[in-house]
Amino acid sequence: MPADVTAQPDLNGVQLYTLRNQMEESVGTTLAKVAEAGYQTVELAGFYGHSAAEVQQLLQRNGLRAPASHFPLEQMESDFPSVVAEAKALGSEYVVLAWLDESRRTAEDYHRLAQNLNDWGRQCREAGLRLAYHNHDFEFEQTGGFVPYQQLLDNTDPALVFFEMDVYWMHKAGQDPLAYFERHPGRFPLWHLKDATSEGAMADVGRGVIDFPALLAHAEKAGLEYGFVERDDAAAPYDSIQRSLRTVNSWD
């Protein structure tokens, strides 16, 4: 469980996947505009041709920090020490496994993944970091007689492996986050704040049907430390992150 789950969670963050096209064009310009929008923290989803140290310099230049960073499964499997080194260079606290390709979702894959997560979580702890797994909706599809998300929760060490709850994908999969907080308290220190329309499409935070304040009432039980606004399909990403941040700030 996080060291101090009673501290007020930091919700002033944005997942930079929302701005991936802008990041591809210019990391420095994008980070400057993120800071200008009022954000203080970001979650990285790639370095776009830069080294981790270079990205950290750009973050510092814009008064930003990256408490969590996404890394691909392929890098974790092939060279986990490089993941640790890059996360440390960024000043991150959390290493997050962001995605499983469709070819990596068999029952055997999930059993192997649980073992790997425990091993990677141990390496992270030894380096002063924490490991987290980010969900979509496919982890809730019956696979080999079990629900993969529950299998990962049940077969990883709570002291070593944490979870980044994507609230939109939980909603899309028909799952109740509160039930998970109750059964696995303290294991959800990171959330993606992403809203959903009544038809199930993505929406800016506050423009959909998800009751975020009701979920945040259970933040201490969840162990929440950081929340990151995200919208994968924003037509105008800068406008989107500004609208979402206004909603997040209204909760305070």
Foldseek 3Di string as FASTA:
>chain_A
DDPDLPDDAAALEAECLLVVVVVLVPVLVVLLLSVVLPGAEYEYEDDNPDALLVSLVSQVVNNHAYQEYEDEPVCCVPPVVVQLVSCVSRVHQEYEHEDDPPVQDAPVSLVVVLVSQQVSLVVQVVSNHAYEYEDAQCQQDDHPNDRSVVVSVVRHDLVRYAYEYEPLRCVLNVHDVVVVLVVNFQRHQHYEQWAAAPVSATAQRPPHDDDVVVVVVCSSSNSHHYYHYHDNDDPDSSVRVSVNVVVVVVSD
